[in-house]
Amino acid sequence: MNTSYLKRGRRTRAGFAIASSIAILACTFAATSPAMAQDNSVQSTTAQTEEPDLTVGAAPDSAVPAGAVGGMGDINLYPRRIIVNQRQRIATVGLYNRVPAAGEYEIGIRDMVMTNDGGLVPLDDPRAAETVDRMKGAGDMLRWSPRRVRLLGNESQTVRVMARPAADLPDGEYRSHFTVISVPEEDGGYSIEDAVGETSEATGIGVVIRPRFAISIPVIVRVGDTTLDVGMEAPTMVDTEFGKAVSLVLTRSGTRSAYGDLIVTAAGRDEPVAVARGIGIYPEVDSRRVEIVLRAEPEQAPLAPGTRLTATFVDDDMNPGETLASREFVVP
């Protein structure tokens, strides 16, 4: 979203303006359909990004490593997720301002819960009601520094995150979300009347829009031994607004989350016909439906009925490259 037209503003004749925010809410998972995450704060507008595989922004290659997470604002984060345990309780996160303009950012930790449809929402969101009782938050055991930074254009900053779990904490996986929120300039703002070319001099009341974009990555704290078993159910072909897609259900059981890449191959073809990277299934849910749109390769003919497909979910967490679940099915 281009917000450059919002950066300049003025006060009305009455000498005051009413601040407002617009809710721009998103949570993207790689090549799959977006899952929505909502921030109920009345003071900030945030765009959440949870474990996506996105192209990084305009910062120099020397500043932004491959695999950095980008969102709707001007910040990249690296890595795309943090995992700490008994052996490594301190982690670092790189913040990268990928645009030429300077920016100020608040850094925080907040608990969010995965819903049954794969979305991520705050604990007090009504959509969290079905799974919030199973959520194990890590917010109380995390410390981080600094908590607010100002970055010049194309500048980077490292933030340290430390986990201090209690000695008697039961084995399992605990999670919060490292969140960076942009701080709008205090002396700026563009009224709605100015945006549409209709200044209301008569009433002397204006509305100043100050969007606050945010980006989040999970912070996972694993205590003791954890277990995981992943399955795959009901793979099939479906029609979507984006074209033909593979639809299936990934199931999870055990005490830790599943995280990996979903790859669909077709008999007789060298390259995968569909790929979705960075799919997470957190412990508060038992399953998640995923749809992957087929790759649009002009030189390849459509998949003919009867073509045998194989869907494989590959680990990108504890044992990268290991097959967690796999199913064969046939194009109807």
C-alpha atoms as a PDB file:
ATOM      1  CA  MET A   1       0.000   0.000   0.000  1.00  0.00           C
ATOM      2  CA  ASN A   2       1.347   3.406  -0.956  1.00  0.00           C
ATOM      3  CA  THR A   3       0.894   5.798   1.960  1.00  0.00           C
ATOM      4  CA  SER A   4       3.078   8.616   0.680  1.00  0.00           C
ATOM      5  CA  TYR A   5       0.023  10.764   0.136  1.00  0.00           C
ATOM      6  CA  LEU A   6      -0.700  10.549   3.867  1.00  0.00           C
ATOM      7  CA  LYS A   7       2.605  12.000   5.022  1.00  0.00           C
ATOM      8  CA  ARG A   8       1.766  15.671   4.687  1.00  0.00           C
ATOM      9  CA  GLY A   9      -1.159  17.279   6.461  1.00  0.00           C
ATOM     10  CA  ARG A  10      -2.566  20.458   7.976  1.00  0.00           C
ATOM     11  CA  ARG A  11      -4.883  21.580  10.728  1.00  0.00           C
ATOM     12  CA  THR A  12      -8.299  23.016   9.967  1.00  0.00           C
ATOM     13  CA  ARG A  13      -9.318  26.573  10.778  1.00  0.00           C
ATOM     14  CA  ALA A  14     -10.618  25.498  14.178  1.00  0.00           C
ATOM     15  CA  GLY A  15      -7.058  24.541  15.056  1.00  0.00           C
ATOM     16  CA  PHE A  16      -7.540  20.871  15.733  1.00  0.00           C
ATOM     17  CA  ALA A  17      -7.953  17.542  13.996  1.00  0.00           C
ATOM     18  CA  ILE A  18      -9.430  14.218  14.993  1.00  0.00           C
ATOM     19  CA  ALA A  19      -6.982  11.333  14.725  1.00  0.00           C
ATOM     20  CA  SER A  20      -8.262   8.182  13.125  1.00  0.00           C
ATOM     21  CA  SER A  21      -6.875   4.861  11.986  1.00  0.00           C
ATOM     22  CA  ILE A  22      -7.797   2.481   9.198  1.00  0.00           C
ATOM     23  CA  ALA A  23      -7.700  -1.263   9.802  1.00  0.00           C
ATOM     24  CA  ILE A  24      -5.526  -2.963   7.216  1.00  0.00           C
ATOM     25  CA  LEU A  25      -5.289  -6.531   8.393  1.00  0.00           C
ATOM     26  CA  ALA A  26      -3.411  -9.437   6.824  1.00  0.00           C
ATOM     27  CA  CYS A  27      -1.499 -12.587   7.672  1.00  0.00           C
ATOM     28  CA  THR A  28       0.167 -14.235   4.670  1.00  0.00           C
ATOM     29  CA  PHE A  29       1.355 -17.818   4.426  1.00  0.00           C
ATOM     30  CA  ALA A  30       3.643 -18.213   1.460  1.00  0.00           C
ATOM     31  CA  ALA A  31       1.841 -19.307  -1.707  1.00  0.00           C
ATOM     32  CA  THR A  32      -1.356 -20.323   0.053  1.00  0.00           C
ATOM     33  CA  SER A  33      -4.486 -18.231   0.383  1.00  0.00           C
ATOM     34  CA  PRO A  34      -4.043 -15.456   2.974  1.00  0.00           C
ATOM     35  CA  ALA A  35      -5.182 -16.173   6.514  1.00  0.00           C
ATOM     36  CA  MET A  36      -6.390 -13.111   8.355  1.00  0.00           C
ATOM     37  CA  ALA A  37      -4.958 -11.729  11.593  1.00  0.00           C
ATOM     38  CA  GLN A  38      -6.547  -8.781  13.364  1.00  0.00           C
ATOM     39  CA  ASP A  39      -5.231  -6.154  15.734  1.00  0.00           C
ATOM     40  CA  ASN A  40      -8.003  -4.642  17.838  1.00  0.00           C
ATOM     41  CA  SER A  41      -5.968  -1.635  18.990  1.00  0.00           C
ATOM     42  CA  VAL A  42      -7.841   1.585  18.304  1.00  0.00           C
ATOM     43  CA  GLN A  43      -4.586   3.519  18.070  1.00  0.00           C
ATOM     44  CA  SER A  44      -2.671   1.476  15.558  1.00  0.00           C
ATOM     45  CA  THR A  45      -3.148   0.016  12.147  1.00  0.00           C
ATOM     46  CA  THR A  46      -1.160  -3.156  11.697  1.00  0.00           C
ATOM     47  CA  ALA A  47      -0.462  -5.675   8.991  1.00  0.00           C
ATOM     48  CA  GLN A  48       0.663  -8.982  10.452  1.00  0.00           C
ATOM     49  CA  THR A  49       3.011 -11.286   8.594  1.00  0.00           C
ATOM     50  CA  GLU A  50       3.338 -14.807   9.886  1.00  0.00           C
ATOM     51  CA  GLU A  51       6.057 -17.038   8.435  1.00  0.00           C
ATOM     52  CA  PRO A  52       5.669 -16.078   4.777  1.00  0.00           C
ATOM     53  CA  ASP A  53       8.069 -16.695   1.926  1.00  0.00           C
ATOM     54  CA  LEU A  54       8.158 -13.185   0.481  1.00  0.00           C
ATOM     55  CA  THR A  55      10.622 -11.318  -1.685  1.00  0.00           C
ATOM     56  CA  VAL A  56      12.554  -8.809   0.384  1.00  0.00           C
ATOM     57  CA  GLY A  57      12.314  -5.090  -0.260  1.00  0.00           C
ATOM     58  CA  ALA A  58      14.608  -2.452  -1.675  1.00  0.00           C
ATOM     59  CA  ALA A  59      17.342  -2.479   0.972  1.00  0.00           C
ATOM     60  CA  PRO A  60      20.833  -3.397  -0.299  1.00  0.00           C
ATOM     61  CA  ASP A  61      21.693  -7.080  -0.589  1.00  0.00           C
ATOM     62  CA  SER A  62      24.400  -6.556   2.024  1.00  0.00           C
ATOM     63  CA  ALA A  63      21.772  -5.407   4.550  1.00  0.00           C
ATOM     64  CA  VAL A  64      18.947  -7.890   3.951  1.00  0.00           C
ATOM     65  CA  PRO A  65      19.800 -11.604   3.987  1.00  0.00           C
ATOM     66  CA  ALA A  66      17.973 -14.111   1.836  1.00  0.00           C
ATOM     67  CA  GLY A  67      14.831 -15.394   3.522  1.00  0.00           C
ATOM     68  CA  ALA A  68      14.005 -12.182   5.379  1.00  0.00           C
ATOM     69  CA  VAL A  69      10.328 -11.622   6.144  1.00  0.00           C
ATOM     70  CA  GLY A  70       8.686  -8.580   4.570  1.00  0.00           C
ATOM     71  CA  GLY A  71       5.260  -7.089   5.206  1.00  0.00           C
ATOM     72  CA  MET A  72       3.100  -4.206   4.007  1.00  0.00           C
ATOM     73  CA  GLY A  73       5.251  -1.568   5.690  1.00  0.00           C
ATOM     74  CA  ASP A  74       8.923  -0.685   5.240  1.00  0.00           C
ATOM     75  CA  ILE A  75      10.572  -3.221   7.584  1.00  0.00           C
ATOM     76  CA  ASN A  76      12.092  -6.647   6.945  1.00  0.00           C
ATOM     77  CA  LEU A  77      12.815  -9.133   9.754  1.00  0.00           C
ATOM     78  CA  TYR A  78      15.295 -11.976   9.810  1.00  0.00           C
ATOM     79  CA  PRO A  79      14.976 -14.854  10.551  1.00  0.00           C
ATOM     80  CA  ARG A  80      11.330 -15.616   9.799  1.00  0.00           C
ATOM     81  CA  ARG A  81      10.918 -17.406  13.164  1.00  0.00           C
ATOM     82  CA  ILE A  82      12.789 -17.787  16.461  1.00  0.00           C
ATOM     83  CA  ILE A  83      13.207 -21.032  18.387  1.00  0.00           C
ATOM     84  CA  VAL A  84      14.890 -21.139  21.786  1.00  0.00           C
ATOM     85  CA  ASN A  85      15.434 -24.088  24.120  1.00  0.00           C
ATOM     86  CA  GLN A  86      17.607 -25.223  27.013  1.00  0.00           C
ATOM     87  CA  ARG A  87      20.770 -25.125  24.883  1.00  0.00           C
ATOM     88  CA  GLN A  88      20.138 -21.731  23.319  1.00  0.00           C
ATOM     89  CA  ARG A  89      18.058 -19.254  25.291  1.00  0.00           C
ATOM     90  CA  ILE A  90      19.246 -16.079  23.565  1.00  0.00           C
ATOM     91  CA  ALA A  91      18.382 -15.214  19.966  1.00  0.00           C
ATOM     92  CA  THR A  92      18.819 -12.170  17.756  1.00  0.00           C
ATOM     93  CA  VAL A  93      16.453 -10.599  15.256  1.00  0.00           C
ATOM     94  CA  GLY A  94      17.622  -8.304  12.471  1.00  0.00           C
ATOM     95  CA  LEU A  95      15.466  -5.300  11.558  1.00  0.00           C
ATOM     96  CA  TYR A  96      16.037  -3.742   8.144  1.00  0.00           C
ATOM     97  CA  ASN A  97      14.544  -0.463   6.957  1.00  0.00           C
ATOM     98  CA  ARG A  98      14.191  -1.257   3.267  1.00  0.00           C
ATOM     99  CA  VAL A  99      13.214   2.230   2.063  1.00  0.00           C
ATOM    100  CA  PRO A 100      15.254   5.458   1.734  1.00  0.00           C
ATOM    101  CA  ALA A 101      13.224   7.373   4.346  1.00  0.00           C
ATOM    102  CA  ALA A 102      14.024   7.161   8.078  1.00  0.00           C
ATOM    103  CA  GLY A 103      11.509   5.503  10.382  1.00  0.00           C
ATOM    104  CA  GLU A 104      10.835   4.888  14.072  1.00  0.00           C
ATOM    105  CA  TYR A 105       9.592   1.560  15.376  1.00  0.00           C
ATOM    106  CA  GLU A 106       8.214   0.087  18.587  1.00  0.00           C
ATOM    107  CA  ILE A 107       9.309  -3.472  19.399  1.00  0.00           C
ATOM    108  CA  GLY A 108       7.136  -5.713  21.523  1.00  0.00           C
ATOM    109  CA  ILE A 109       6.082  -9.267  22.339  1.00  0.00           C
ATOM    110  CA  ARG A 110       2.434 -10.309  22.269  1.00  0.00           C
ATOM    111  CA  ASP A 111       0.571 -13.586  22.495  1.00  0.00           C
ATOM    112  CA  MET A 112      -1.563 -14.637  19.548  1.00  0.00           C
ATOM    113  CA  VAL A 113      -3.558 -17.796  18.979  1.00  0.00           C
ATOM    114  CA  MET A 114      -4.065 -19.855  15.840  1.00  0.00           C
ATOM    115  CA  THR A 115      -7.682 -20.438  14.863  1.00  0.00           C
ATOM    116  CA  ASN A 116      -9.046 -23.615  13.333  1.00  0.00           C
ATOM    117  CA  ASP A 117      -8.879 -22.053   9.866  1.00  0.00           C
ATOM    118  CA  GLY A 118      -5.168 -21.289  10.219  1.00  0.00           C
ATOM    119  CA  GLY A 119      -5.448 -17.591  11.031  1.00  0.00           C
ATOM    120  CA  LEU A 120      -3.675 -15.798  13.890  1.00  0.00           C
ATOM    121  CA  VAL A 121      -5.578 -13.448  16.192  1.00  0.00           C
ATOM    122  CA  PRO A 122      -5.074 -11.757  19.597  1.00  0.00           C
ATOM    123  CA  LEU A 123      -6.228 -13.736  22.625  1.00  0.00           C
ATOM    124  CA  ASP A 124      -9.234 -11.476  23.220  1.00  0.00           C
ATOM    125  CA  ASP A 125     -10.508 -11.778  19.656  1.00  0.00           C
ATOM    126  CA  PRO A 126     -13.869 -13.637  19.473  1.00  0.00           C
ATOM    127  CA  ARG A 127     -12.411 -15.966  16.844  1.00  0.00           C
ATOM    128  CA  ALA A 128      -9.884 -17.226  19.403  1.00  0.00           C
ATOM    129  CA  ALA A 129     -12.573 -18.722  21.649  1.00  0.00           C
ATOM    130  CA  GLU A 130     -12.336 -22.256  20.198  1.00  0.00           C
ATOM    131  CA  THR A 131      -8.579 -22.677  20.656  1.00  0.00           C
ATOM    132  CA  VAL A 132      -7.390 -20.120  23.230  1.00  0.00           C
ATOM    133  CA  ASP A 133      -7.665 -22.598  26.136  1.00  0.00           C
ATOM    134  CA  ARG A 134      -4.967 -24.745  24.517  1.00  0.00           C
ATOM    135  CA  MET A 135      -2.610 -21.840  23.833  1.00  0.00           C
ATOM    136  CA  LYS A 136       0.614 -21.763  25.875  1.00  0.00           C
ATOM    137  CA  GLY A 137       1.917 -18.209  25.790  1.00  0.00           C
ATOM    138  CA  ALA A 138       5.581 -17.341  26.239  1.00  0.00           C
ATOM    139  CA  GLY A 139       5.206 -13.598  26.821  1.00  0.00           C
ATOM    140  CA  ASP A 140       5.932 -13.714  30.558  1.00  0.00           C
ATOM    141  CA  MET A 141       9.260 -15.501  30.081  1.00  0.00           C
ATOM    142  CA  LEU A 142      10.691 -13.314  27.293  1.00  0.00           C
ATOM    143  CA  ARG A 143      12.935 -10.260  27.583  1.00  0.00           C
ATOM    144  CA  TRP A 144      14.133  -8.144  24.655  1.00  0.00           C
ATOM    145  CA  SER A 145      16.222  -5.065  23.983  1.00  0.00           C
ATOM    146  CA  PRO A 146      15.987  -2.435  22.587  1.00  0.00           C
ATOM    147  CA  ARG A 147      12.257  -1.752  22.687  1.00  0.00           C
ATOM    148  CA  ARG A 148      12.212   1.245  20.365  1.00  0.00           C
ATOM    149  CA  VAL A 149      14.562   2.158  17.531  1.00  0.00           C
ATOM    150  CA  ARG A 150      14.941   4.779  14.850  1.00  0.00           C
ATOM    151  CA  LEU A 151      16.463   3.588  11.580  1.00  0.00           C
ATOM    152  CA  LEU A 152      17.743   5.714   8.749  1.00  0.00           C
ATOM    153  CA  GLY A 153      16.999   4.671   5.206  1.00  0.00           C
ATOM    154  CA  ASN A 154      18.467   1.229   4.347  1.00  0.00           C
ATOM    155  CA  GLU A 155      19.800   0.926   7.912  1.00  0.00           C
ATOM    156  CA  SER A 156      19.707  -2.219  10.073  1.00  0.00           C
ATOM    157  CA  GLN A 157      19.427  -2.952  13.798  1.00  0.00           C
ATOM    158  CA  THR A 158      19.852  -6.109  15.857  1.00  0.00           C
ATOM    159  CA  VAL A 159      17.454  -6.914  18.705  1.00  0.00           C
ATOM    160  CA  ARG A 160      18.306  -9.487  21.381  1.00  0.00           C
ATOM    161  CA  VAL A 161      15.590 -11.796  22.695  1.00  0.00           C
ATOM    162  CA  MET A 162      16.123 -13.888  25.846  1.00  0.00           C
ATOM    163  CA  ALA A 163      13.931 -16.641  27.279  1.00  0.00           C
ATOM    164  CA  ARG A 164      13.789 -17.283  31.025  1.00  0.00           C
ATOM    165  CA  PRO A 165      11.402 -20.195  31.580  1.00  0.00           C
ATOM    166  CA  ALA A 166      10.651 -21.171  35.156  1.00  0.00           C
ATOM    167  CA  ALA A 167      12.555 -24.160  36.479  1.00  0.00           C
ATOM    168  CA  ASP A 168       9.349 -26.103  37.179  1.00  0.00           C
ATOM    169  CA  LEU A 169       7.679 -25.325  33.832  1.00  0.00           C
ATOM    170  CA  PRO A 170       6.123 -28.473  32.298  1.00  0.00           C
ATOM    171  CA  ASP A 171       7.683 -29.850  29.123  1.00  0.00           C
ATOM    172  CA  GLY A 172       6.163 -28.550  25.927  1.00  0.00           C
ATOM    173  CA  GLU A 173       6.141 -25.675  23.465  1.00  0.00           C
ATOM    174  CA  TYR A 174       5.331 -22.091  24.427  1.00  0.00           C
ATOM    175  CA  ARG A 175       4.908 -19.245  21.928  1.00  0.00           C
ATOM    176  CA  SER A 176       4.568 -15.511  21.553  1.00  0.00           C
ATOM    177  CA  HIS A 177       5.088 -13.169  18.603  1.00  0.00           C
ATOM    178  CA  PHE A 178       7.902 -10.655  18.148  1.00  0.00           C
ATOM    179  CA  THR A 179       6.196  -7.587  16.699  1.00  0.00           C
ATOM    180  CA  VAL A 180       7.586  -4.403  15.165  1.00  0.00           C
ATOM    181  CA  ILE A 181       5.148  -1.493  14.748  1.00  0.00           C
ATOM    182  CA  SER A 182       5.904   1.681  12.834  1.00  0.00           C
ATOM    183  CA  VAL A 183       5.519   4.963  14.747  1.00  0.00           C
ATOM    184  CA  PRO A 184       3.895   7.711  12.642  1.00  0.00           C
ATOM    185  CA  GLU A 185       5.349  11.190  12.548  1.00  0.00           C
ATOM    186  CA  GLU A 186       3.617  13.392  15.141  1.00  0.00           C
ATOM    187  CA  ASP A 187       3.659  16.517  13.011  1.00  0.00           C
ATOM    188  CA  GLY A 188       2.153  14.939   9.922  1.00  0.00           C
ATOM    189  CA  GLY A 189      -1.246  13.868   8.712  1.00  0.00           C
ATOM    190  CA  TYR A 190      -3.421  14.332   5.688  1.00  0.00           C
ATOM    191  CA  SER A 191      -7.091  15.017   6.100  1.00  0.00           C
ATOM    192  CA  ILE A 192      -9.704  13.020   4.264  1.00  0.00           C
ATOM    193  CA  GLU A 193     -11.028  16.284   2.831  1.00  0.00           C
ATOM    194  CA  ASP A 194      -7.606  17.039   1.367  1.00  0.00           C
ATOM    195  CA  ALA A 195      -7.335  13.526  -0.033  1.00  0.00           C
ATOM    196  CA  VAL A 196     -10.563  13.913  -2.013  1.00  0.00           C
ATOM    197  CA  GLY A 197     -10.113  17.611  -2.713  1.00  0.00           C
ATOM    198  CA  GLU A 198     -12.992  18.757  -0.529  1.00  0.00           C
ATOM    199  CA  THR A 199     -11.759  20.835   2.422  1.00  0.00           C
ATOM    200  CA  SER A 200     -14.470  21.523   4.972  1.00  0.00           C
ATOM    201  CA  GLU A 201     -13.710  25.094   6.009  1.00  0.00           C
ATOM    202  CA  ALA A 202     -17.236  25.573   7.322  1.00  0.00           C
ATOM    203  CA  THR A 203     -17.156  22.972  10.058  1.00  0.00           C
ATOM    204  CA  GLY A 204     -13.469  23.332  10.927  1.00  0.00           C
ATOM    205  CA  ILE A 205     -13.230  19.595  11.624  1.00  0.00           C
ATOM    206  CA  GLY A 206     -10.797  17.284   9.896  1.00  0.00           C
ATOM    207  CA  VAL A 207      -9.766  13.647  10.164  1.00  0.00           C
ATOM    208  CA  VAL A 208      -6.062  12.831  10.193  1.00  0.00           C
ATOM    209  CA  ILE A 209      -5.088   9.334   9.028  1.00  0.00           C
ATOM    210  CA  ARG A 210      -1.922   7.928  10.608  1.00  0.00           C
ATOM    211  CA  PRO A 211      -1.534   4.264   9.602  1.00  0.00           C
ATOM    212  CA  ARG A 212       0.700   2.085  11.794  1.00  0.00           C
ATOM    213  CA  PHE A 213       2.006  -0.947   9.968  1.00  0.00           C
ATOM    214  CA  ALA A 214       3.344  -3.953  11.845  1.00  0.00           C
ATOM    215  CA  ILE A 215       5.117  -7.194  11.112  1.00  0.00           C
ATOM    216  CA  SER A 216       5.366 -10.247  13.374  1.00  0.00           C
ATOM    217  CA  ILE A 217       7.341 -13.457  13.609  1.00  0.00           C
ATOM    218  CA  PRO A 218       6.789 -16.268  16.125  1.00  0.00           C
ATOM    219  CA  VAL A 219       9.055 -16.768  19.135  1.00  0.00           C
ATOM    220  CA  ILE A 220       8.892 -20.423  20.146  1.00  0.00           C
ATOM    221  CA  VAL A 221      10.249 -21.630  23.492  1.00  0.00           C
ATOM    222  CA  ARG A 222      10.652 -25.395  23.792  1.00  0.00           C
ATOM    223  CA  VAL A 223      11.037 -26.868  27.254  1.00  0.00           C
ATOM    224  CA  GLY A 224      12.165 -30.450  27.788  1.00  0.00           C
ATOM    225  CA  ASP A 225      11.237 -33.178  25.316  1.00  0.00           C
ATOM    226  CA  THR A 226       8.562 -32.501  22.703  1.00  0.00           C
ATOM    227  CA  THR A 227       6.738 -34.803  20.313  1.00  0.00           C
ATOM    228  CA  LEU A 228       5.092 -34.409  16.912  1.00  0.00           C
ATOM    229  CA  ASP A 229       3.115 -36.585  14.520  1.00  0.00           C
ATOM    230  CA  VAL A 230       1.849 -35.151  11.212  1.00  0.00           C
ATOM    231  CA  GLY A 231      -0.706 -36.619   8.817  1.00  0.00           C
ATOM    232  CA  MET A 232      -2.382 -35.658   5.568  1.00  0.00           C
ATOM    233  CA  GLU A 233      -6.030 -36.177   4.623  1.00  0.00           C
ATOM    234  CA  ALA A 234      -8.390 -35.714   1.684  1.00  0.00           C
ATOM    235  CA  PRO A 235      -6.097 -34.356  -1.047  1.00  0.00           C
ATOM    236  CA  THR A 236      -8.127 -33.287  -4.068  1.00  0.00           C
ATOM    237  CA  MET A 237      -8.319 -30.757  -6.901  1.00  0.00           C
ATOM    238  CA  VAL A 238     -10.545 -27.686  -6.520  1.00  0.00           C
ATOM    239  CA  ASP A 239     -11.402 -24.583  -8.536  1.00  0.00           C
ATOM    240  CA  THR A 240     -10.532 -21.221  -6.965  1.00  0.00           C
ATOM    241  CA  GLU A 241     -10.652 -17.621  -8.116  1.00  0.00           C
ATOM    242  CA  PHE A 242      -6.918 -17.955  -8.829  1.00  0.00           C
ATOM    243  CA  GLY A 243      -7.279 -21.121 -10.895  1.00  0.00           C
ATOM    244  CA  LYS A 244      -6.943 -24.845 -10.246  1.00  0.00           C
ATOM    245  CA  ALA A 245      -5.595 -25.731  -6.819  1.00  0.00           C
ATOM    246  CA  VAL A 246      -4.743 -28.697  -4.621  1.00  0.00           C
ATOM    247  CA  SER A 247      -6.769 -28.781  -1.414  1.00  0.00           C
ATOM    248  CA  LEU A 248      -5.896 -30.987   1.556  1.00  0.00           C
ATOM    249  CA  VAL A 249      -5.918 -31.167   5.347  1.00  0.00           C
ATOM    250  CA  LEU A 250      -2.724 -31.372   7.405  1.00  0.00           C
ATOM    251  CA  THR A 251      -3.213 -32.960  10.821  1.00  0.00           C
ATOM    252  CA  ARG A 252      -0.975 -32.556  13.869  1.00  0.00           C
ATOM    253  CA  SER A 253      -0.685 -34.258  17.241  1.00  0.00           C
ATOM    254  CA  GLY A 254       1.902 -34.105  19.995  1.00  0.00           C
ATOM    255  CA  THR A 255       3.359 -31.305  22.093  1.00  0.00           C
ATOM    256  CA  ARG A 256       5.076 -29.134  19.467  1.00  0.00           C
ATOM    257  CA  SER A 257       4.142 -27.310  16.280  1.00  0.00           C
ATOM    258  CA  ALA A 258       4.679 -28.498  12.732  1.00  0.00           C
ATOM    259  CA  TYR A 259       6.418 -26.239  10.242  1.00  0.00           C
ATOM    260  CA  GLY A 260       7.485 -26.986   6.707  1.00  0.00           C
ATOM    261  CA  ASP A 261       6.931 -26.831   2.959  1.00  0.00           C
ATOM    262  CA  LEU A 262       4.125 -28.460   1.001  1.00  0.00           C
ATOM    263  CA  ILE A 263       5.214 -29.736  -2.412  1.00  0.00           C
ATOM    264  CA  VAL A 264       2.983 -31.329  -5.058  1.00  0.00           C
ATOM    265  CA  THR A 265       4.553 -33.335  -7.883  1.00  0.00           C
ATOM    266  CA  ALA A 266       2.985 -34.984 -10.937  1.00  0.00           C
ATOM    267  CA  ALA A 267       3.971 -38.241 -12.616  1.00  0.00           C
ATOM    268  CA  GLY A 268       5.982 -37.532 -15.755  1.00  0.00           C
ATOM    269  CA  ARG A 269       6.981 -33.975 -14.804  1.00  0.00           C
ATOM    270  CA  ASP A 270      10.393 -32.971 -13.508  1.00  0.00           C
ATOM    271  CA  GLU A 271       9.334 -29.827 -11.650  1.00  0.00           C
ATOM    272  CA  PRO A 272       6.691 -29.573  -8.875  1.00  0.00           C
ATOM    273  CA  VAL A 273       3.285 -28.413 -10.039  1.00  0.00           C
ATOM    274  CA  ALA A 274       2.613 -26.533  -6.779  1.00  0.00           C
ATOM    275  CA  VAL A 275       4.704 -25.362  -3.809  1.00  0.00           C
ATOM    276  CA  ALA A 276       3.753 -23.590  -0.569  1.00  0.00           C
ATOM    277  CA  ARG A 277       6.584 -22.710   1.824  1.00  0.00           C
ATOM    278  CA  GLY A 278       6.488 -21.894   5.507  1.00  0.00           C
ATOM    279  CA  ILE A 279       3.255 -23.593   6.587  1.00  0.00           C
ATOM    280  CA  GLY A 280       2.842 -23.695  10.360  1.00  0.00           C
ATOM    281  CA  ILE A 281       0.411 -25.685  12.496  1.00  0.00           C
ATOM    282  CA  TYR A 282       0.603 -24.651  16.139  1.00  0.00           C
ATOM    283  CA  PRO A 283      -0.164 -26.903  19.131  1.00  0.00           C
ATOM    284  CA  GLU A 284      -3.516 -25.279  19.891  1.00  0.00           C
ATOM    285  CA  VAL A 285      -4.996 -26.727  16.681  1.00  0.00           C
ATOM    286  CA  ASP A 286      -5.165 -30.337  15.492  1.00  0.00           C
ATOM    287  CA  SER A 287      -5.502 -29.687  11.776  1.00  0.00           C
ATOM    288  CA  ARG A 288      -5.376 -27.042   9.092  1.00  0.00           C
ATOM    289  CA  ARG A 289      -6.791 -26.986   5.560  1.00  0.00           C
ATOM    290  CA  VAL A 290      -4.386 -25.747   2.897  1.00  0.00           C
ATOM    291  CA  GLU A 291      -5.045 -24.818  -0.730  1.00  0.00           C
ATOM    292  CA  ILE A 292      -2.131 -24.477  -3.153  1.00  0.00           C
ATOM    293  CA  VAL A 293      -2.751 -22.944  -6.561  1.00  0.00           C
ATOM    294  CA  LEU A 294      -1.057 -24.799  -9.395  1.00  0.00           C
ATOM    295  CA  ARG A 295       1.930 -23.071 -10.942  1.00  0.00           C
ATOM    296  CA  ALA A 296       1.117 -21.223 -14.147  1.00  0.00           C
ATOM    297  CA  GLU A 297       3.756 -22.510 -16.544  1.00  0.00           C
ATOM    298  CA  PRO A 298       2.927 -21.422 -20.119  1.00  0.00           C
ATOM    299  CA  GLU A 299       4.953 -24.232 -21.671  1.00  0.00           C
ATOM    300  CA  GLN A 300       3.187 -26.944 -19.674  1.00  0.00           C
ATOM    301  CA  ALA A 301      -0.137 -28.461 -20.637  1.00  0.00           C
ATOM    302  CA  PRO A 302      -2.916 -28.652 -18.010  1.00  0.00           C
ATOM    303  CA  LEU A 303      -2.962 -31.733 -15.849  1.00  0.00           C
ATOM    304  CA  ALA A 304      -5.023 -34.346 -17.632  1.00  0.00           C
ATOM    305  CA  PRO A 305      -7.665 -36.399 -15.792  1.00  0.00           C
ATOM    306  CA  GLY A 306      -6.083 -39.520 -14.362  1.00  0.00           C
ATOM    307  CA  THR A 307      -2.687 -37.890 -13.746  1.00  0.00           C
ATOM    308  CA  ARG A 308      -1.180 -39.218 -10.525  1.00  0.00           C
ATOM    309  CA  LEU A 309      -0.123 -36.510  -8.055  1.00  0.00           C
ATOM    310  CA  THR A 310       1.895 -36.761  -4.845  1.00  0.00           C
ATOM    311  CA  ALA A 311       1.559 -34.185  -2.054  1.00  0.00           C
ATOM    312  CA  THR A 312       4.464 -34.120   0.411  1.00  0.00           C
ATOM    313  CA  PHE A 313       4.856 -32.054   3.580  1.00  0.00           C
ATOM    314  CA  VAL A 314       8.582 -31.581   4.240  1.00  0.00           C
ATOM    315  CA  ASP A 315       9.969 -30.527   7.631  1.00  0.00           C
ATOM    316  CA  ASP A 316      11.773 -27.175   7.929  1.00  0.00           C
ATOM    317  CA  ASP A 317      12.144 -27.208  11.710  1.00  0.00           C
ATOM    318  CA  MET A 318      13.668 -29.987  13.820  1.00  0.00           C
ATOM    319  CA  ASN A 319      14.860 -32.155  10.907  1.00  0.00           C
ATOM    320  CA  PRO A 320      14.945 -30.048   7.725  1.00  0.00           C
ATOM    321  CA  GLY A 321      14.225 -32.071   4.599  1.00  0.00           C
ATOM    322  CA  GLU A 322      12.519 -34.967   6.407  1.00  0.00           C
ATOM    323  CA  THR A 323       9.147 -36.035   5.018  1.00  0.00           C
ATOM    324  CA  LEU A 324       6.483 -35.480   7.686  1.00  0.00           C
ATOM    325  CA  ALA A 325       3.484 -36.678   5.632  1.00  0.00           C
ATOM    326  CA  SER A 326       2.744 -37.725   2.059  1.00  0.00           C
ATOM    327  CA  ARG A 327      -0.308 -38.819   0.035  1.00  0.00           C
ATOM    328  CA  GLU A 328      -0.942 -39.817  -3.571  1.00  0.00           C
ATOM    329  CA  PHE A 329      -4.133 -38.957  -5.431  1.00  0.00           C
ATOM    330  CA  VAL A 330      -5.423 -38.723  -8.981  1.00  0.00           C
ATOM    331  CA  VAL A 331      -6.668 -35.737 -10.981  1.00  0.00           C
ATOM    332  CA  PRO A 332     -10.409 -36.337 -11.434  1.00  0.00           C
END
